[in-house]
Amino acid sequence: LDPENRTPYGERMIHGAVYEARSDVNAVVHNHAYALLPFGITGRALEP
């Protein structure tokens, strides 16, 4: 809805889709923090 037509983030669909699916969600973060990456490619679960 930007009248200046500035370039938006290409992955904004992450945010819209989460808001669409989750009425309880009011904020979304997408990141590439390096410490997370091994858990996404090894099959080893990241746990609290």
All heavy atoms as atom14 arrays in JSON, in Angstrom:
{
  "sequence": "LDPENRTPYGERMIHGAVYEARSDVNAVVHNHAYALLPFGITGRALEP",
  "atom14_mask": [
    [1, 1, 1, 1, 1, 1, 1, 1, 0, 0, 0, 0, 0, 0],
    [1, 1, 1, 1, 1, 1, 1, 1, 0, 0, 0, 0, 0, 0],
    [1, 1, 1, 1, 1, 1, 1, 0, 0, 0, 0, 0, 0, 0],
    [1, 1, 1, 1, 1, 1, 1, 1, 1, 0, 0, 0, 0, 0],
    [1, 1, 1, 1, 1, 1, 1, 1, 0, 0, 0, 0, 0, 0],
    [1, 1, 1, 1, 1, 1, 1, 1, 1, 1, 1, 0, 0, 0],
    [1, 1, 1, 1, 1, 1, 1, 0, 0, 0, 0, 0, 0, 0],
    [1, 1, 1, 1, 1, 1, 1, 0, 0, 0, 0, 0, 0, 0],
    [1, 1, 1, 1, 1, 1, 1, 1, 1, 1, 1, 1, 0, 0],
    [1, 1, 1, 1, 0, 0, 0, 0, 0, 0, 0, 0, 0, 0],
    [1, 1, 1, 1, 1, 1, 1, 1, 1, 0, 0, 0, 0, 0],
    [1, 1, 1, 1, 1, 1, 1, 1, 1, 1, 1, 0, 0, 0],
    [1, 1, 1, 1, 1, 1, 1, 1, 0, 0, 0, 0, 0, 0],
    [1, 1, 1, 1, 1, 1, 1, 1, 0, 0, 0, 0, 0, 0],
    [1, 1, 1, 1, 1, 1, 1, 1, 1, 1, 0, 0, 0, 0],
    [1, 1, 1, 1, 0, 0, 0, 0, 0, 0, 0, 0, 0, 0],
    [1, 1, 1, 1, 1, 0, 0, 0, 0, 0, 0, 0, 0, 0],
    [1, 1, 1, 1, 1, 1, 1, 0, 0, 0, 0, 0, 0, 0],
    [1, 1, 1, 1, 1, 1, 1, 1, 1, 1, 1, 1, 0, 0],
    [1, 1, 1, 1, 1, 1, 1, 1, 1, 0, 0, 0, 0, 0],
    [1, 1, 1, 1, 1, 0, 0, 0, 0, 0, 0, 0, 0, 0],
    [1, 1, 1, 1, 1, 1, 1, 1, 1, 1, 1, 0, 0, 0],
    [1, 1, 1, 1, 1, 1, 0, 0, 0, 0, 0, 0, 0, 0],
    [1, 1, 1, 1, 1, 1, 1, 1, 0, 0, 0, 0, 0, 0],
    [1, 1, 1, 1, 1, 1, 1, 0, 0, 0, 0, 0, 0, 0],
    [1, 1, 1, 1, 1, 1, 1, 1, 0, 0, 0, 0, 0, 0],
    [1, 1, 1, 1, 1, 0, 0, 0, 0, 0, 0, 0, 0, 0],
    [1, 1, 1, 1, 1, 1, 1, 0, 0, 0, 0, 0, 0, 0],
    [1, 1, 1, 1, 1, 1, 1, 0, 0, 0, 0, 0, 0, 0],
    [1, 1, 1, 1, 1, 1, 1, 1, 1, 1, 0, 0, 0, 0],
    [1, 1, 1, 1, 1, 1, 1, 1, 0, 0, 0, 0, 0, 0],
    [1, 1, 1, 1, 1, 1, 1, 1, 1, 1, 0, 0, 0, 0],
    [1, 1, 1, 1, 1, 0, 0, 0, 0, 0, 0, 0, 0, 0],
    [1, 1, 1, 1, 1, 1, 1, 1, 1, 1, 1, 1, 0, 0],
    [1, 1, 1, 1, 1, 0, 0, 0, 0, 0, 0, 0, 0, 0],
    [1, 1, 1, 1, 1, 1, 1, 1, 0, 0, 0, 0, 0, 0],
    [1, 1, 1, 1, 1, 1, 1, 1, 0, 0, 0, 0, 0, 0],
    [1, 1, 1, 1, 1, 1, 1, 0, 0, 0, 0, 0, 0, 0],
    [1, 1, 1, 1, 1, 1, 1, 1, 1, 1, 1, 0, 0, 0],
    [1, 1, 1, 1, 0, 0, 0, 0, 0, 0, 0, 0, 0, 0],
    [1, 1, 1, 1, 1, 1, 1, 1, 0, 0, 0, 0, 0, 0],
    [1, 1, 1, 1, 1, 1, 1, 0, 0, 0, 0, 0, 0, 0],
    [1, 1, 1, 1, 0, 0, 0, 0, 0, 0, 0, 0, 0, 0],
    [1, 1, 1, 1, 1, 1, 1, 1, 1, 1, 1, 0, 0, 0],
    [1, 1, 1, 1, 1, 0, 0, 0, 0, 0, 0, 0, 0, 0],
    [1, 1, 1, 1, 1, 1, 1, 1, 0, 0, 0, 0, 0, 0],
    [1, 1, 1, 1, 1, 1, 1, 1, 1, 0, 0, 0, 0, 0],
    [1, 1, 1, 1, 1, 1, 1, 0, 0, 0, 0, 0, 0, 0]
  ],
  "atom14_positions": [
    [[0.83, -1.2, 0.0], [0.0, 0.0, 0.0], [0.87, 1.26, 0.0], [0.44, 2.32, 0.4], [-0.92, 0.0, 1.22], [-1.89, -1.18, 1.32], [-2.73, -1.08, 2.59], [-2.79, -1.23, 0.1], [0.0, 0.0, 0.0], [0.0, 0.0, 0.0], [0.0, 0.0, 0.0], [0.0, 0.0, 0.0], [0.0, 0.0, 0.0], [0.0, 0.0, 0.0]],
    [[2.08, 1.11, -0.47], [3.05, 2.2, -0.48], [2.87, 3.07, -1.71], [3.1, 2.62, -2.84], [4.47, 1.62, -0.46], [5.55, 2.68, -0.44], [5.23, 3.86, -0.16], [6.71, 2.33, -0.69], [0.0, 0.0, 0.0], [0.0, 0.0, 0.0], [0.0, 0.0, 0.0], [0.0, 0.0, 0.0], [0.0, 0.0, 0.0], [0.0, 0.0, 0.0]],
    [[2.48, 4.34, -1.57], [2.3, 5.21, -2.73], [3.61, 5.5, -3.45], [3.62, 5.89, -4.61], [1.67, 6.47, -2.15], [2.12, 6.49, -0.73], [2.18, 5.05, -0.31], [0.0, 0.0, 0.0], [0.0, 0.0, 0.0], [0.0, 0.0, 0.0], [0.0, 0.0, 0.0], [0.0, 0.0, 0.0], [0.0, 0.0, 0.0], [0.0, 0.0, 0.0]],
    [[4.74, 5.33, -2.74], [6.03, 5.59, -3.37], [6.54, 4.38, -4.15], [7.57, 4.46, -4.82], [7.05, 5.97, -2.3], [6.69, 7.25, -1.56], [7.73, 7.58, -0.5], [8.93, 7.41, -0.76], [7.34, 8.0, 0.6], [0.0, 0.0, 0.0], [0.0, 0.0, 0.0], [0.0, 0.0, 0.0], [0.0, 0.0, 0.0], [0.0, 0.0, 0.0]],
    [[5.82, 3.27, -4.04], [6.16, 2.07, -4.81], [7.6, 1.6, -4.57], [8.31, 1.18, -5.48], [5.94, 2.31, -6.31], [5.8, 1.01, -7.08], [5.31, 0.01, -6.55], [6.22, 1.02, -8.33], [0.0, 0.0, 0.0], [0.0, 0.0, 0.0], [0.0, 0.0, 0.0], [0.0, 0.0, 0.0], [0.0, 0.0, 0.0], [0.0, 0.0, 0.0]],
    [[8.03, 1.65, -3.31], [9.37, 1.21, -2.97], [9.46, -0.32, -2.98], [8.45, -1.0, -2.83], [9.78, 1.77, -1.61], [9.96, 3.28, -1.6], [10.08, 3.81, -0.19], [8.86, 3.62, 0.57], [8.7, 3.98, 1.84], [9.7, 4.55, 2.49], [7.56, 3.78, 2.45], [0.0, 0.0, 0.0], [0.0, 0.0, 0.0], [0.0, 0.0, 0.0]],
    [[10.65, -0.84, -3.15], [10.84, -2.28, -3.24], [10.59, -2.95, -1.89], [11.24, -2.6, -0.89], [12.27, -2.61, -3.7], [12.51, -1.99, -4.96], [12.46, -4.12, -3.83], [0.0, 0.0, 0.0], [0.0, 0.0, 0.0], [0.0, 0.0, 0.0], [0.0, 0.0, 0.0], [0.0, 0.0, 0.0], [0.0, 0.0, 0.0], [0.0, 0.0, 0.0]],
    [[9.66, -3.89, -1.83], [9.4, -4.59, -0.57], [10.28, -5.83, -0.44], [10.92, -6.25, -1.41], [7.93, -5.0, -0.71], [7.77, -5.25, -2.18], [8.69, -4.26, -2.88], [0.0, 0.0, 0.0], [0.0, 0.0, 0.0], [0.0, 0.0, 0.0], [0.0, 0.0, 0.0], [0.0, 0.0, 0.0], [0.0, 0.0, 0.0], [0.0, 0.0, 0.0]],
    [[10.31, -6.42, 0.74], [11.0, -7.69, 0.92], [10.34, -8.76, 0.07], [9.11, -8.88, 0.03], [10.95, -8.14, 2.38], [11.76, -7.3, 3.33], [11.15, -6.56, 4.35], [13.15, -7.27, 3.25], [11.89, -5.82, 5.25], [13.9, -6.52, 4.14], [13.27, -5.8, 5.14], [14.02, -5.05, 6.02], [0.0, 0.0, 0.0], [0.0, 0.0, 0.0]],
    [[11.17, -9.56, -0.61], [10.63, -10.6, -1.47], [9.91, -11.69, -0.71], [8.98, -12.32, -1.24], [0.0, 0.0, 0.0], [0.0, 0.0, 0.0], [0.0, 0.0, 0.0], [0.0, 0.0, 0.0], [0.0, 0.0, 0.0], [0.0, 0.0, 0.0], [0.0, 0.0, 0.0], [0.0, 0.0, 0.0], [0.0, 0.0, 0.0], [0.0, 0.0, 0.0]],
    [[10.32, -11.92, 0.55], [9.72, -13.01, 1.33], [8.64, -12.53, 2.31], [8.36, -13.19, 3.31], [10.8, -13.76, 2.1], [11.7, -14.6, 1.21], [12.53, -15.56, 2.02], [13.46, -15.11, 2.73], [12.26, -16.77, 1.96], [0.0, 0.0, 0.0], [0.0, 0.0, 0.0], [0.0, 0.0, 0.0], [0.0, 0.0, 0.0], [0.0, 0.0, 0.0]],
    [[8.0, -11.41, 1.99], [6.93, -10.92, 2.85], [5.76, -11.89, 2.92], [4.93, -11.82, 3.84], [6.46, -9.54, 2.38], [5.85, -9.54, 0.98], [5.69, -8.12, 0.46], [5.1, -8.08, -0.88], [5.78, -8.3, -1.99], [7.07, -8.59, -1.95], [5.18, -8.23, -3.17], [0.0, 0.0, 0.0], [0.0, 0.0, 0.0], [0.0, 0.0, 0.0]],
    [[5.68, -12.84, 1.97], [4.59, -13.81, 1.98], [4.64, -14.7, 3.23], [3.62, -15.24, 3.64], [4.62, -14.68, 0.72], [4.7, -13.91, -0.59], [3.43, -12.63, -0.74], [3.9, -11.89, -2.3], [0.0, 0.0, 0.0], [0.0, 0.0, 0.0], [0.0, 0.0, 0.0], [0.0, 0.0, 0.0], [0.0, 0.0, 0.0], [0.0, 0.0, 0.0]],
    [[5.82, -14.85, 3.81], [5.92, -15.58, 5.07], [5.02, -14.93, 6.11], [4.23, -15.6, 6.79], [7.38, -15.59, 5.59], [8.28, -16.41, 4.66], [7.44, -16.13, 7.02], [9.76, -16.32, 5.03], [0.0, 0.0, 0.0], [0.0, 0.0, 0.0], [0.0, 0.0, 0.0], [0.0, 0.0, 0.0], [0.0, 0.0, 0.0], [0.0, 0.0, 0.0]],
    [[5.11, -13.62, 6.21], [4.38, -12.88, 7.23], [2.88, -12.93, 6.97], [2.1, -13.24, 7.88], [4.88, -11.43, 7.26], [6.34, -11.32, 7.53], [6.86, -10.92, 8.74], [7.42, -11.57, 6.74], [8.18, -10.92, 8.7], [8.55, -11.3, 7.48], [0.0, 0.0, 0.0], [0.0, 0.0, 0.0], [0.0, 0.0, 0.0], [0.0, 0.0, 0.0]],
    [[2.49, -12.62, 5.73], [1.07, -12.62, 5.4], [0.42, -13.97, 5.63], [-0.71, -14.06, 6.14], [0.0, 0.0, 0.0], [0.0, 0.0, 0.0], [0.0, 0.0, 0.0], [0.0, 0.0, 0.0], [0.0, 0.0, 0.0], [0.0, 0.0, 0.0], [0.0, 0.0, 0.0], [0.0, 0.0, 0.0], [0.0, 0.0, 0.0], [0.0, 0.0, 0.0]],
    [[1.11, -15.04, 5.27], [0.55, -16.38, 5.42], [0.39, -16.76, 6.88], [-0.6, -17.4, 7.27], [1.43, -17.4, 4.69], [0.0, 0.0, 0.0], [0.0, 0.0, 0.0], [0.0, 0.0, 0.0], [0.0, 0.0, 0.0], [0.0, 0.0, 0.0], [0.0, 0.0, 0.0], [0.0, 0.0, 0.0], [0.0, 0.0, 0.0], [0.0, 0.0, 0.0]],
    [[1.35, -16.37, 7.71], [1.24, -16.67, 9.14], [0.1, -15.88, 9.77], [-0.7, -16.41, 10.54], [2.57, -16.39, 9.87], [2.39, -16.52, 11.38], [3.65, -17.35, 9.4], [0.0, 0.0, 0.0], [0.0, 0.0, 0.0], [0.0, 0.0, 0.0], [0.0, 0.0, 0.0], [0.0, 0.0, 0.0], [0.0, 0.0, 0.0], [0.0, 0.0, 0.0]],
    [[-0.02, -14.59, 9.43], [-1.13, -13.8, 9.96], [-2.47, -14.36, 9.5], [-3.45, -14.35, 10.26], [-1.0, -12.33, 9.53], [0.15, -11.61, 10.18], [1.08, -10.9, 9.41], [0.33, -11.62, 11.55], [2.14, -10.23, 9.99], [1.39, -10.95, 12.15], [2.29, -10.26, 11.36], [3.34, -9.6, 11.94], [0.0, 0.0, 0.0], [0.0, 0.0, 0.0]],
    [[-2.53, -14.82, 8.29], [-3.75, -15.4, 7.75], [-4.16, -16.65, 8.52], [-5.34, -16.88, 8.81], [-3.56, -15.73, 6.27], [-4.74, -16.36, 5.59], [-4.42, -16.75, 4.15], [-3.73, -17.77, 3.95], [-4.85, -16.03, 3.24], [0.0, 0.0, 0.0], [0.0, 0.0, 0.0], [0.0, 0.0, 0.0], [0.0, 0.0, 0.0], [0.0, 0.0, 0.0]],
    [[-3.17, -17.48, 8.86], [-3.44, -18.77, 9.5], [-3.63, -18.65, 11.01], [-4.3, -19.5, 11.61], [-2.29, -19.74, 9.21], [0.0, 0.0, 0.0], [0.0, 0.0, 0.0], [0.0, 0.0, 0.0], [0.0, 0.0, 0.0], [0.0, 0.0, 0.0], [0.0, 0.0, 0.0], [0.0, 0.0, 0.0], [0.0, 0.0, 0.0], [0.0, 0.0, 0.0]],
    [[-3.05, -17.61, 11.62], [-3.01, -17.55, 13.08], [-3.55, -16.21, 13.59], [-2.84, -15.21, 13.61], [-1.56, -17.73, 13.56], [-0.92, -19.08, 13.26], [-1.21, -20.08, 14.33], [-0.73, -19.64, 15.63], [0.53, -19.84, 16.07], [1.42, -20.46, 15.3], [0.87, -19.43, 17.27], [0.0, 0.0, 0.0], [0.0, 0.0, 0.0], [0.0, 0.0, 0.0]],
    [[-4.79, -16.19, 14.03], [-5.37, -14.95, 14.55], [-4.73, -14.54, 15.87], [-4.84, -13.38, 16.29], [-6.88, -15.12, 14.74], [-7.16, -16.16, 15.67], [0.0, 0.0, 0.0], [0.0, 0.0, 0.0], [0.0, 0.0, 0.0], [0.0, 0.0, 0.0], [0.0, 0.0, 0.0], [0.0, 0.0, 0.0], [0.0, 0.0, 0.0], [0.0, 0.0, 0.0]],
    [[-4.03, -15.47, 16.53], [-3.39, -15.17, 17.81], [-2.02, -14.51, 17.63], [-1.43, -14.03, 18.6], [-3.21, -16.45, 18.62], [-2.33, -17.47, 17.91], [-2.6, -17.75, 16.73], [-1.39, -17.99, 18.54], [0.0, 0.0, 0.0], [0.0, 0.0, 0.0], [0.0, 0.0, 0.0], [0.0, 0.0, 0.0], [0.0, 0.0, 0.0], [0.0, 0.0, 0.0]],
    [[-1.52, -14.47, 16.41], [-0.18, -13.94, 16.13], [-0.27, -12.47, 15.72], [-1.05, -12.11, 14.84], [0.51, -14.76, 15.03], [1.76, -14.04, 14.52], [0.88, -16.14, 15.57], [0.0, 0.0, 0.0], [0.0, 0.0, 0.0], [0.0, 0.0, 0.0], [0.0, 0.0, 0.0], [0.0, 0.0, 0.0], [0.0, 0.0, 0.0], [0.0, 0.0, 0.0]],
    [[0.55, -11.64, 16.35], [0.59, -10.21, 16.02], [1.97, -9.72, 15.62], [2.15, -8.54, 15.33], [0.08, -9.39, 17.2], [-1.4, -9.61, 17.46], [-2.23, -9.41, 16.58], [-1.73, -10.05, 18.66], [0.0, 0.0, 0.0], [0.0, 0.0, 0.0], [0.0, 0.0, 0.0], [0.0, 0.0, 0.0], [0.0, 0.0, 0.0], [0.0, 0.0, 0.0]],
    [[2.96, -10.63, 15.61], [4.31, -10.24, 15.19], [5.03, -11.47, 14.65], [4.87, -12.58, 15.18], [5.09, -9.64, 16.35], [0.0, 0.0, 0.0], [0.0, 0.0, 0.0], [0.0, 0.0, 0.0], [0.0, 0.0, 0.0], [0.0, 0.0, 0.0], [0.0, 0.0, 0.0], [0.0, 0.0, 0.0], [0.0, 0.0, 0.0], [0.0, 0.0, 0.0]],
    [[5.81, -11.27, 13.59], [6.52, -12.36, 12.92], [7.95, -11.92, 12.64], [8.18, -10.79, 12.21], [5.82, -12.75, 11.6], [6.64, -13.8, 10.85], [4.41, -13.27, 11.87], [0.0, 0.0, 0.0], [0.0, 0.0, 0.0], [0.0, 0.0, 0.0], [0.0, 0.0, 0.0], [0.0, 0.0, 0.0], [0.0, 0.0, 0.0], [0.0, 0.0, 0.0]],
    [[8.89, -12.83, 12.89], [10.3, -12.6, 12.55], [10.75, -13.72, 11.62], [10.45, -14.89, 11.86], [11.19, -12.61, 13.81], [12.67, -12.51, 13.42], [10.81, -11.48, 14.76], [0.0, 0.0, 0.0], [0.0, 0.0, 0.0], [0.0, 0.0, 0.0], [0.0, 0.0, 0.0], [0.0, 0.0, 0.0], [0.0, 0.0, 0.0], [0.0, 0.0, 0.0]],
    [[11.47, -13.34, 10.56], [12.15, -14.33, 9.71], [13.63, -14.01, 9.74], [14.03, -12.86, 9.53], [11.63, -14.3, 8.28], [12.47, -15.12, 7.34], [12.74, -16.45, 7.55], [13.11, -14.79, 6.18], [13.51, -16.9, 6.57], [13.74, -15.91, 5.73], [0.0, 0.0, 0.0], [0.0, 0.0, 0.0], [0.0, 0.0, 0.0], [0.0, 0.0, 0.0]],
    [[14.46, -15.03, 10.03], [15.9, -14.77, 10.11], [16.69, -15.98, 9.64], [16.15, -17.08, 9.48], [16.29, -14.39, 11.53], [16.23, -15.56, 12.48], [17.16, -16.36, 12.58], [15.11, -15.71, 13.21], [0.0, 0.0, 0.0], [0.0, 0.0, 0.0], [0.0, 0.0, 0.0], [0.0, 0.0, 0.0], [0.0, 0.0, 0.0], [0.0, 0.0, 0.0]],
    [[17.99, -15.75, 9.46], [18.92, -16.79, 9.0], [20.05, -16.98, 10.0], [21.2, -17.19, 9.62], [19.53, -16.42, 7.64], [18.54, -15.97, 6.62], [18.83, -14.95, 5.72], [17.28, -16.37, 6.34], [17.78, -14.76, 4.93], [16.83, -15.6, 5.29], [0.0, 0.0, 0.0], [0.0, 0.0, 0.0], [0.0, 0.0, 0.0], [0.0, 0.0, 0.0]],
    [[19.77, -16.86, 11.31], [20.82, -16.96, 12.32], [21.63, -18.24, 12.12], [21.08, -19.34, 12.03], [20.19, -16.94, 13.71], [0.0, 0.0, 0.0], [0.0, 0.0, 0.0], [0.0, 0.0, 0.0], [0.0, 0.0, 0.0], [0.0, 0.0, 0.0], [0.0, 0.0, 0.0], [0.0, 0.0, 0.0], [0.0, 0.0, 0.0], [0.0, 0.0, 0.0]],
    [[22.94, -18.08, 12.06], [23.81, -19.18, 11.64], [23.74, -20.4, 12.56], [23.84, -21.54, 12.1], [25.26, -18.69, 11.54], [25.43, -17.53, 10.58], [26.25, -16.46, 10.9], [24.76, -17.5, 9.36], [26.41, -15.39, 10.02], [24.91, -16.45, 8.49], [25.73, -15.39, 8.82], [25.87, -14.33, 7.95], [0.0, 0.0, 0.0], [0.0, 0.0, 0.0]],
    [[23.56, -20.19, 13.86], [23.52, -21.32, 14.79], [22.32, -22.24, 14.54], [22.34, -23.42, 14.92], [23.5, -20.82, 16.23], [0.0, 0.0, 0.0], [0.0, 0.0, 0.0], [0.0, 0.0, 0.0], [0.0, 0.0, 0.0], [0.0, 0.0, 0.0], [0.0, 0.0, 0.0], [0.0, 0.0, 0.0], [0.0, 0.0, 0.0], [0.0, 0.0, 0.0]],
    [[21.29, -21.71, 13.91], [20.09, -22.52, 13.64], [20.29, -23.47, 12.47], [19.65, -24.53, 12.4], [18.9, -21.61, 13.32], [18.53, -20.54, 14.35], [17.37, -19.72, 13.81], [18.18, -21.17, 15.68], [0.0, 0.0, 0.0], [0.0, 0.0, 0.0], [0.0, 0.0, 0.0], [0.0, 0.0, 0.0], [0.0, 0.0, 0.0], [0.0, 0.0, 0.0]],
    [[21.13, -23.09, 11.54], [21.2, -23.79, 10.25], [21.58, -25.27, 10.36], [21.01, -26.1, 9.63], [22.16, -23.05, 9.32], [21.77, -21.58, 9.02], [22.77, -20.95, 8.08], [20.36, -21.49, 8.47], [0.0, 0.0, 0.0], [0.0, 0.0, 0.0], [0.0, 0.0, 0.0], [0.0, 0.0, 0.0], [0.0, 0.0, 0.0], [0.0, 0.0, 0.0]],
    [[22.51, -25.67, 11.24], [22.82, -27.11, 11.32], [21.62, -27.98, 11.67], [21.52, -29.13, 11.22], [23.89, -27.17, 12.42], [24.53, -25.83, 12.41], [23.41, -24.88, 12.09], [0.0, 0.0, 0.0], [0.0, 0.0, 0.0], [0.0, 0.0, 0.0], [0.0, 0.0, 0.0], [0.0, 0.0, 0.0], [0.0, 0.0, 0.0], [0.0, 0.0, 0.0]],
    [[20.69, -27.44, 12.44], [19.53, -28.22, 12.86], [18.5, -28.37, 11.73], [17.61, -29.21, 11.81], [18.87, -27.58, 14.08], [19.77, -27.59, 15.28], [20.51, -26.47, 15.62], [19.9, -28.72, 16.07], [21.36, -26.47, 16.73], [20.74, -28.74, 17.17], [21.47, -27.62, 17.5], [0.0, 0.0, 0.0], [0.0, 0.0, 0.0], [0.0, 0.0, 0.0]],
    [[18.64, -27.57, 10.7], [17.73, -27.67, 9.56], [18.23, -28.57, 8.45], [17.51, -28.81, 7.48], [0.0, 0.0, 0.0], [0.0, 0.0, 0.0], [0.0, 0.0, 0.0], [0.0, 0.0, 0.0], [0.0, 0.0, 0.0], [0.0, 0.0, 0.0], [0.0, 0.0, 0.0], [0.0, 0.0, 0.0], [0.0, 0.0, 0.0], [0.0, 0.0, 0.0]],
    [[19.47, -29.08, 8.59], [20.05, -29.87, 7.49], [20.62, -31.21, 7.93], [21.16, -31.96, 7.1], [21.16, -29.07, 6.77], [22.28, -28.66, 7.74], [20.57, -27.84, 6.1], [23.44, -27.92, 7.09], [0.0, 0.0, 0.0], [0.0, 0.0, 0.0], [0.0, 0.0, 0.0], [0.0, 0.0, 0.0], [0.0, 0.0, 0.0], [0.0, 0.0, 0.0]],
    [[20.5, -31.54, 9.22], [21.13, -32.77, 9.72], [20.16, -33.81, 10.24], [20.55, -34.96, 10.47], [22.1, -32.45, 10.88], [21.36, -31.84, 11.95], [23.2, -31.51, 10.41], [0.0, 0.0, 0.0], [0.0, 0.0, 0.0], [0.0, 0.0, 0.0], [0.0, 0.0, 0.0], [0.0, 0.0, 0.0], [0.0, 0.0, 0.0], [0.0, 0.0, 0.0]],
    [[18.93, -33.41, 10.47], [17.99, -34.34, 11.09], [18.05, -34.32, 12.61], [17.28, -35.03, 13.27], [0.0, 0.0, 0.0], [0.0, 0.0, 0.0], [0.0, 0.0, 0.0], [0.0, 0.0, 0.0], [0.0, 0.0, 0.0], [0.0, 0.0, 0.0], [0.0, 0.0, 0.0], [0.0, 0.0, 0.0], [0.0, 0.0, 0.0], [0.0, 0.0, 0.0]],
    [[18.94, -33.53, 13.19], [19.04, -33.39, 14.64], [18.09, -32.3, 15.09], [18.18, -31.15, 14.64], [20.47, -33.04, 15.06], [20.67, -32.89, 16.57], [20.41, -34.21, 17.29], [20.93, -34.21, 18.65], [20.24, -33.8, 19.73], [19.04, -33.31, 19.59], [20.79, -33.87, 20.93], [0.0, 0.0, 0.0], [0.0, 0.0, 0.0], [0.0, 0.0, 0.0]],
    [[17.15, -32.63, 15.96], [16.13, -31.67, 16.37], [16.72, -30.58, 17.25], [17.57, -30.84, 18.11], [15.01, -32.39, 17.11], [0.0, 0.0, 0.0], [0.0, 0.0, 0.0], [0.0, 0.0, 0.0], [0.0, 0.0, 0.0], [0.0, 0.0, 0.0], [0.0, 0.0, 0.0], [0.0, 0.0, 0.0], [0.0, 0.0, 0.0], [0.0, 0.0, 0.0]],
    [[16.26, -29.37, 17.05], [16.56, -28.27, 17.95], [15.51, -28.28, 19.05], [14.3, -28.3, 18.79], [16.53, -26.94, 17.2], [16.73, -25.66, 18.02], [18.07, -25.68, 18.76], [16.64, -24.43, 17.12], [0.0, 0.0, 0.0], [0.0, 0.0, 0.0], [0.0, 0.0, 0.0], [0.0, 0.0, 0.0], [0.0, 0.0, 0.0], [0.0, 0.0, 0.0]],
    [[15.96, -28.28, 20.31], [15.06, -28.41, 21.45], [15.35, -27.34, 22.49], [16.48, -26.86, 22.58], [15.21, -29.79, 22.09], [14.93, -30.94, 21.14], [15.22, -32.29, 21.77], [16.36, -32.47, 22.28], [14.33, -33.16, 21.76], [0.0, 0.0, 0.0], [0.0, 0.0, 0.0], [0.0, 0.0, 0.0], [0.0, 0.0, 0.0], [0.0, 0.0, 0.0]],
    [[14.37, -26.98, 23.3], [14.63, -26.04, 24.39], [15.47, -26.71, 25.47], [15.05, -27.72, 26.06], [13.23, -25.68, 24.9], [12.38, -26.86, 24.54], [12.94, -27.38, 23.25], [0.0, 0.0, 0.0], [0.0, 0.0, 0.0], [0.0, 0.0, 0.0], [0.0, 0.0, 0.0], [0.0, 0.0, 0.0], [0.0, 0.0, 0.0], [0.0, 0.0, 0.0]]
  ]
}
